[in-house]
PDB file of all heavy atoms in Angstrom:
ATOM      1  N   SER A   1       0.650   1.956 -16.584  1.00  0.00           N
ATOM      2  CA  SER A   1      -0.279   0.766 -16.615  1.00  0.00           C
ATOM      3  C   SER A   1      -1.727   1.203 -16.508  1.00  0.00           C
ATOM      4  O   SER A   1      -1.991   2.427 -16.492  1.00  0.00           O
ATOM      5  CB  SER A   1       0.073  -0.209 -15.475  1.00  0.00           C
ATOM      6  OG  SER A   1      -0.179   0.439 -14.212  1.00  0.00           O
ATOM      7  N   LEU A   2      -2.550   0.298 -16.437  1.00  0.00           N
ATOM      8  CA  LEU A   2      -3.985   0.833 -16.147  1.00  0.00           C
ATOM      9  C   LEU A   2      -4.191   1.348 -14.768  1.00  0.00           C
ATOM     10  O   LEU A   2      -3.487   0.923 -13.874  1.00  0.00           O
ATOM     11  CB  LEU A   2      -4.949  -0.493 -16.423  1.00  0.00           C
ATOM     12  CG  LEU A   2      -4.897  -1.139 -17.770  1.00  0.00           C
ATOM     13  CD1 LEU A   2      -5.773  -2.411 -17.732  1.00  0.00           C
ATOM     14  CD2 LEU A   2      -5.404  -0.185 -18.754  1.00  0.00           C
ATOM     15  N   SER A   3      -5.142   2.191 -14.678  1.00  0.00           N
ATOM     16  CA  SER A   3      -5.410   2.865 -13.429  1.00  0.00           C
ATOM     17  C   SER A   3      -5.794   1.759 -12.329  1.00  0.00           C
ATOM     18  O   SER A   3      -5.343   1.849 -11.192  1.00  0.00           O
ATOM     19  CB  SER A   3      -6.574   3.820 -13.646  1.00  0.00           C
ATOM     20  OG  SER A   3      -6.867   4.478 -12.345  1.00  0.00           O
ATOM     21  N   LEU A   4      -6.560   0.796 -12.751  1.00  0.00           N
ATOM     22  CA  LEU A   4      -6.929  -0.258 -11.916  1.00  0.00           C
ATOM     23  C   LEU A   4      -5.684  -1.070 -11.397  1.00  0.00           C
ATOM     24  O   LEU A   4      -5.689  -1.517 -10.273  1.00  0.00           O
ATOM     25  CB  LEU A   4      -7.971  -1.172 -12.459  1.00  0.00           C
ATOM     26  CG  LEU A   4      -9.330  -0.514 -12.783  1.00  0.00           C
ATOM     27  CD1 LEU A   4     -10.261  -1.617 -13.504  1.00  0.00           C
ATOM     28  CD2 LEU A   4      -9.964  -0.119 -11.480  1.00  0.00           C
ATOM     29  N   ASP A   5      -4.778  -1.287 -12.300  1.00  0.00           N
ATOM     30  CA  ASP A   5      -3.598  -1.996 -11.859  1.00  0.00           C
ATOM     31  C   ASP A   5      -2.803  -1.164 -10.817  1.00  0.00           C
ATOM     32  O   ASP A   5      -2.289  -1.771  -9.850  1.00  0.00           O
ATOM     33  CB  ASP A   5      -2.610  -2.273 -13.074  1.00  0.00           C
ATOM     34  CG  ASP A   5      -3.113  -3.373 -13.984  1.00  0.00           C
ATOM     35  OD1 ASP A   5      -4.060  -4.126 -13.639  1.00  0.00           O
ATOM     36  OD2 ASP A   5      -2.629  -3.538 -15.128  1.00  0.00           O
ATOM     37  N   ALA A   6      -2.710   0.064 -11.068  1.00  0.00           N
ATOM     38  CA  ALA A   6      -1.992   0.957 -10.026  1.00  0.00           C
ATOM     39  C   ALA A   6      -2.733   0.876  -8.723  1.00  0.00           C
ATOM     40  O   ALA A   6      -2.024   0.809  -7.578  1.00  0.00           O
ATOM     41  CB  ALA A   6      -1.944   2.376 -10.540  1.00  0.00           C
ATOM     42  N   ARG A   7      -4.044   1.033  -8.705  1.00  0.00           N
ATOM     43  CA  ARG A   7      -4.778   0.931  -7.496  1.00  0.00           C
ATOM     44  C   ARG A   7      -4.671  -0.356  -6.744  1.00  0.00           C
ATOM     45  O   ARG A   7      -4.450  -0.466  -5.573  1.00  0.00           O
ATOM     46  CB  ARG A   7      -6.259   1.283  -7.700  1.00  0.00           C
ATOM     47  CG  ARG A   7      -7.113   1.324  -6.378  1.00  0.00           C
ATOM     48  CD  ARG A   7      -8.417   1.836  -6.651  1.00  0.00           C
ATOM     49  NE  ARG A   7      -8.373   3.356  -6.805  1.00  0.00           N
ATOM     50  CZ  ARG A   7      -9.275   4.066  -7.250  1.00  0.00           C
ATOM     51  NH1 ARG A   7     -10.386   3.539  -7.673  1.00  0.00           N
ATOM     52  NH2 ARG A   7      -9.082   5.364  -7.427  1.00  0.00           N
ATOM     53  N   ASN A   8      -4.683  -1.463  -7.555  1.00  0.00           N
ATOM     54  CA  ASN A   8      -4.562  -2.822  -7.017  1.00  0.00           C
ATOM     55  C   ASN A   8      -3.180  -2.942  -6.383  1.00  0.00           C
ATOM     56  O   ASN A   8      -3.012  -3.531  -5.309  1.00  0.00           O
ATOM     57  CB  ASN A   8      -4.846  -3.807  -8.055  1.00  0.00           C
ATOM     58  CG  ASN A   8      -4.731  -5.182  -7.554  1.00  0.00           C
ATOM     59  OD1 ASN A   8      -5.605  -5.682  -6.797  1.00  0.00           O
ATOM     60  ND2 ASN A   8      -3.772  -6.073  -7.834  1.00  0.00           N
ATOM     61  N   LYS A   9      -2.129  -2.417  -7.073  1.00  0.00           N
ATOM     62  CA  LYS A   9      -0.766  -2.510  -6.571  1.00  0.00           C
ATOM     63  C   LYS A   9      -0.674  -1.736  -5.272  1.00  0.00           C
ATOM     64  O   LYS A   9      -0.146  -2.182  -4.253  1.00  0.00           O
ATOM     65  CB  LYS A   9       0.171  -1.884  -7.651  1.00  0.00           C
ATOM     66  CG  LYS A   9       1.594  -1.829  -7.138  1.00  0.00           C
ATOM     67  CD  LYS A   9       2.149  -3.175  -7.216  1.00  0.00           C
ATOM     68  CE  LYS A   9       3.699  -3.277  -7.314  1.00  0.00           C
ATOM     69  NZ  LYS A   9       4.124  -4.594  -7.087  1.00  0.00           N
ATOM     70  N   ALA A  10      -1.217  -0.516  -5.212  1.00  0.00           N
ATOM     71  CA  ALA A  10      -1.242   0.205  -4.007  1.00  0.00           C
ATOM     72  C   ALA A  10      -1.958  -0.433  -2.871  1.00  0.00           C
ATOM     73  O   ALA A  10      -1.550  -0.430  -1.680  1.00  0.00           O
ATOM     74  CB  ALA A  10      -1.859   1.698  -4.234  1.00  0.00           C
ATOM     75  N   ILE A  11      -3.135  -1.011  -3.174  1.00  0.00           N
ATOM     76  CA  ILE A  11      -3.865  -1.642  -2.138  1.00  0.00           C
ATOM     77  C   ILE A  11      -3.063  -2.901  -1.565  1.00  0.00           C
ATOM     78  O   ILE A  11      -3.089  -3.177  -0.427  1.00  0.00           O
ATOM     79  CB  ILE A  11      -5.359  -2.135  -2.630  1.00  0.00           C
ATOM     80  CG1 ILE A  11      -6.208  -0.957  -2.859  1.00  0.00           C
ATOM     81  CG2 ILE A  11      -5.949  -3.202  -1.681  1.00  0.00           C
ATOM     82  CD1 ILE A  11      -7.514  -1.251  -3.483  1.00  0.00           C
ATOM     83  N   GLY A  12      -2.427  -3.629  -2.440  1.00  0.00           N
ATOM     84  CA  GLY A  12      -1.482  -4.708  -2.070  1.00  0.00           C
ATOM     85  C   GLY A  12      -0.369  -4.205  -1.110  1.00  0.00           C
ATOM     86  O   GLY A  12       0.082  -5.053  -0.360  1.00  0.00           O
ATOM     87  N   GLU A  13       0.058  -3.020  -1.302  1.00  0.00           N
ATOM     88  CA  GLU A  13       1.070  -2.443  -0.432  1.00  0.00           C
ATOM     89  C   GLU A  13       0.597  -1.708   0.829  1.00  0.00           C
ATOM     90  O   GLU A  13       1.392  -1.222   1.561  1.00  0.00           O
ATOM     91  CB  GLU A  13       2.030  -1.511  -1.250  1.00  0.00           C
ATOM     92  CG  GLU A  13       2.748  -2.221  -2.299  1.00  0.00           C
ATOM     93  CD  GLU A  13       3.791  -1.314  -3.101  1.00  0.00           C
ATOM     94  OE1 GLU A  13       3.898  -0.133  -2.789  1.00  0.00           O
ATOM     95  OE2 GLU A  13       4.512  -1.789  -3.907  1.00  0.00           O
ATOM     96  N   THR A  14      -0.739  -1.684   0.995  1.00  0.00           N
ATOM     97  CA  THR A  14      -1.203  -1.044   2.155  1.00  0.00           C
ATOM     98  C   THR A  14      -0.680  -1.623   3.450  1.00  0.00           C
ATOM     99  O   THR A  14      -0.484  -0.921   4.461  1.00  0.00           O
ATOM    100  CB  THR A  14      -2.752  -1.109   2.227  1.00  0.00           C
ATOM    101  OG1 THR A  14      -3.300  -0.595   0.973  1.00  0.00           O
ATOM    102  CG2 THR A  14      -3.406  -0.298   3.322  1.00  0.00           C
ATOM    103  N   ILE A  15      -0.427  -2.976   3.464  1.00  0.00           N
ATOM    104  CA  ILE A  15       0.090  -3.570   4.718  1.00  0.00           C
ATOM    105  C   ILE A  15       1.527  -3.052   5.014  1.00  0.00           C
ATOM    106  O   ILE A  15       1.897  -2.999   6.173  1.00  0.00           O
ATOM    107  CB  ILE A  15       0.090  -5.107   4.545  1.00  0.00           C
ATOM    108  CG1 ILE A  15       0.124  -5.713   5.960  1.00  0.00           C
ATOM    109  CG2 ILE A  15       1.141  -5.680   3.637  1.00  0.00           C
ATOM    110  CD1 ILE A  15      -0.514  -7.002   6.065  1.00  0.00           C
ATOM    111  N   ILE A  16       2.270  -2.721   3.987  1.00  0.00           N
ATOM    112  CA  ILE A  16       3.595  -2.065   4.237  1.00  0.00           C
ATOM    113  C   ILE A  16       3.411  -0.738   4.950  1.00  0.00           C
ATOM    114  O   ILE A  16       4.061  -0.545   5.932  1.00  0.00           O
ATOM    115  CB  ILE A  16       4.448  -1.906   2.944  1.00  0.00           C
ATOM    116  CG1 ILE A  16       4.631  -3.291   2.292  1.00  0.00           C
ATOM    117  CG2 ILE A  16       5.690  -1.161   3.147  1.00  0.00           C
ATOM    118  CD1 ILE A  16       5.157  -3.107   0.828  1.00  0.00           C
ATOM    119  N   LEU A  17       2.521   0.057   4.423  1.00  0.00           N
ATOM    120  CA  LEU A  17       2.233   1.398   5.078  1.00  0.00           C
ATOM    121  C   LEU A  17       1.801   1.157   6.459  1.00  0.00           C
ATOM    122  O   LEU A  17       2.298   1.823   7.378  1.00  0.00           O
ATOM    123  CB  LEU A  17       1.178   2.112   4.270  1.00  0.00           C
ATOM    124  CG  LEU A  17       0.611   3.444   4.908  1.00  0.00           C
ATOM    125  CD1 LEU A  17       1.771   4.453   5.116  1.00  0.00           C
ATOM    126  CD2 LEU A  17      -0.462   4.024   4.035  1.00  0.00           C
ATOM    127  N   PHE A  18       0.872   0.259   6.684  1.00  0.00           N
ATOM    128  CA  PHE A  18       0.282  -0.050   8.089  1.00  0.00           C
ATOM    129  C   PHE A  18       1.513  -0.443   9.050  1.00  0.00           C
ATOM    130  O   PHE A  18       1.534  -0.038  10.197  1.00  0.00           O
ATOM    131  CB  PHE A  18      -0.754  -0.948   8.061  1.00  0.00           C
ATOM    132  CG  PHE A  18      -1.611  -0.979   9.365  1.00  0.00           C
ATOM    133  CD1 PHE A  18      -2.503   0.128   9.502  1.00  0.00           C
ATOM    134  CD2 PHE A  18      -1.664  -2.028  10.245  1.00  0.00           C
ATOM    135  CE1 PHE A  18      -3.232   0.154  10.729  1.00  0.00           C
ATOM    136  CE2 PHE A  18      -2.379  -1.923  11.368  1.00  0.00           C
ATOM    137  CZ  PHE A  18      -3.176  -0.850  11.606  1.00  0.00           C
ATOM    138  N   HIS A  19       2.327  -1.331   8.477  1.00  0.00           N
ATOM    139  CA  HIS A  19       3.454  -1.734   9.222  1.00  0.00           C
ATOM    140  C   HIS A  19       4.448  -0.574   9.621  1.00  0.00           C
ATOM    141  O   HIS A  19       4.897  -0.472  10.726  1.00  0.00           O
ATOM    142  CB  HIS A  19       4.238  -2.828   8.561  1.00  0.00           C
ATOM    143  CG  HIS A  19       5.542  -3.163   9.165  1.00  0.00           C
ATOM    144  ND1 HIS A  19       5.613  -4.071  10.323  1.00  0.00           N
ATOM    145  CD2 HIS A  19       6.876  -2.903   8.885  1.00  0.00           C
ATOM    146  CE1 HIS A  19       6.903  -4.111  10.740  1.00  0.00           C
ATOM    147  NE2 HIS A  19       7.618  -3.472   9.811  1.00  0.00           N
ATOM    148  N   TYR A  20       4.637   0.206   8.577  1.00  0.00           N
ATOM    149  CA  TYR A  20       5.569   1.494   8.910  1.00  0.00           C
ATOM    150  C   TYR A  20       4.840   2.335   9.975  1.00  0.00           C
ATOM    151  O   TYR A  20       5.565   2.934  10.875  1.00  0.00           O
ATOM    152  CB  TYR A  20       5.756   2.228   7.636  1.00  0.00           C
ATOM    153  CG  TYR A  20       6.803   1.554   6.687  1.00  0.00           C
ATOM    154  CD1 TYR A  20       7.450   0.352   6.995  1.00  0.00           C
ATOM    155  CD2 TYR A  20       7.112   2.194   5.488  1.00  0.00           C
ATOM    156  CE1 TYR A  20       8.374  -0.116   6.153  1.00  0.00           C
ATOM    157  CE2 TYR A  20       8.025   1.687   4.591  1.00  0.00           C
ATOM    158  CZ  TYR A  20       8.718   0.475   4.935  1.00  0.00           C
ATOM    159  OH  TYR A  20       9.549  -0.041   4.089  1.00  0.00           O
ATOM    160  N   LEU A  21       3.576   2.525   9.858  1.00  0.00           N
ATOM    161  CA  LEU A  21       2.852   3.366  10.872  1.00  0.00           C
ATOM    162  C   LEU A  21       3.079   2.661  12.217  1.00  0.00           C
ATOM    163  O   LEU A  21       3.224   3.373  13.255  1.00  0.00           O
ATOM    164  CB  LEU A  21       1.451   3.487  10.450  1.00  0.00           C
ATOM    165  CG  LEU A  21       1.129   4.475   9.358  1.00  0.00           C
ATOM    166  CD1 LEU A  21      -0.337   4.259   8.777  1.00  0.00           C
ATOM    167  CD2 LEU A  21       1.298   5.885   9.764  1.00  0.00           C
ATOM    168  N   PHE A  22       2.890   1.357  12.319  1.00  0.00           N
ATOM    169  CA  PHE A  22       2.879   0.630  13.573  1.00  0.00           C
ATOM    170  C   PHE A  22       4.333   0.860  14.212  1.00  0.00           C
ATOM    171  O   PHE A  22       4.455   1.050  15.384  1.00  0.00           O
ATOM    172  CB  PHE A  22       2.631  -0.799  13.277  1.00  0.00           C
ATOM    173  CG  PHE A  22       2.823  -1.764  14.481  1.00  0.00           C
ATOM    174  CD1 PHE A  22       1.735  -1.857  15.466  1.00  0.00           C
ATOM    175  CD2 PHE A  22       4.035  -2.377  14.784  1.00  0.00           C
ATOM    176  CE1 PHE A  22       1.862  -2.663  16.603  1.00  0.00           C
ATOM    177  CE2 PHE A  22       4.154  -3.223  15.891  1.00  0.00           C
ATOM    178  CZ  PHE A  22       3.093  -3.290  16.751  1.00  0.00           C
ATOM    179  N   GLU A  23       5.330   0.758  13.357  1.00  0.00           N
ATOM    180  CA  GLU A  23       6.738   0.824  13.897  1.00  0.00           C
ATOM    181  C   GLU A  23       7.179   2.276  14.150  1.00  0.00           C
ATOM    182  O   GLU A  23       7.856   2.516  15.123  1.00  0.00           O
ATOM    183  CB  GLU A  23       7.708   0.206  12.883  1.00  0.00           C
ATOM    184  CG  GLU A  23       7.575  -1.209  12.626  1.00  0.00           C
ATOM    185  CD  GLU A  23       8.019  -2.031  13.898  1.00  0.00           C
ATOM    186  OE1 GLU A  23       8.926  -1.498  14.677  1.00  0.00           O
ATOM    187  OE2 GLU A  23       7.467  -3.029  14.167  1.00  0.00           O
ATOM    188  N   SER A  24       6.655   3.172  13.423  1.00  0.00           N
ATOM    189  CA  SER A  24       7.171   4.556  13.524  1.00  0.00           C
ATOM    190  C   SER A  24       6.308   5.478  14.500  1.00  0.00           C
ATOM    191  O   SER A  24       6.825   6.505  14.895  1.00  0.00           O
ATOM    192  CB  SER A  24       7.363   5.260  12.207  1.00  0.00           C
ATOM    193  OG  SER A  24       6.022   5.492  11.591  1.00  0.00           O
ATOM    194  N   CYS A  25       5.086   5.069  14.750  1.00  0.00           N
ATOM    195  CA  CYS A  25       4.158   6.014  15.449  1.00  0.00           C
ATOM    196  C   CYS A  25       3.987   5.440  16.909  1.00  0.00           C
ATOM    197  O   CYS A  25       2.960   4.964  17.308  1.00  0.00           O
ATOM    198  CB  CYS A  25       2.854   6.132  14.778  1.00  0.00           C
ATOM    199  SG  CYS A  25       3.001   6.890  13.192  1.00  0.00           S
TER     200      CYS A  25
END
């Protein structure tokens, strides 16, 4: 896809990463 779409997708998933950090750390 477009680079901006990929970045937008990843930014939208940042909350998943933060939740995983919250739970695992």
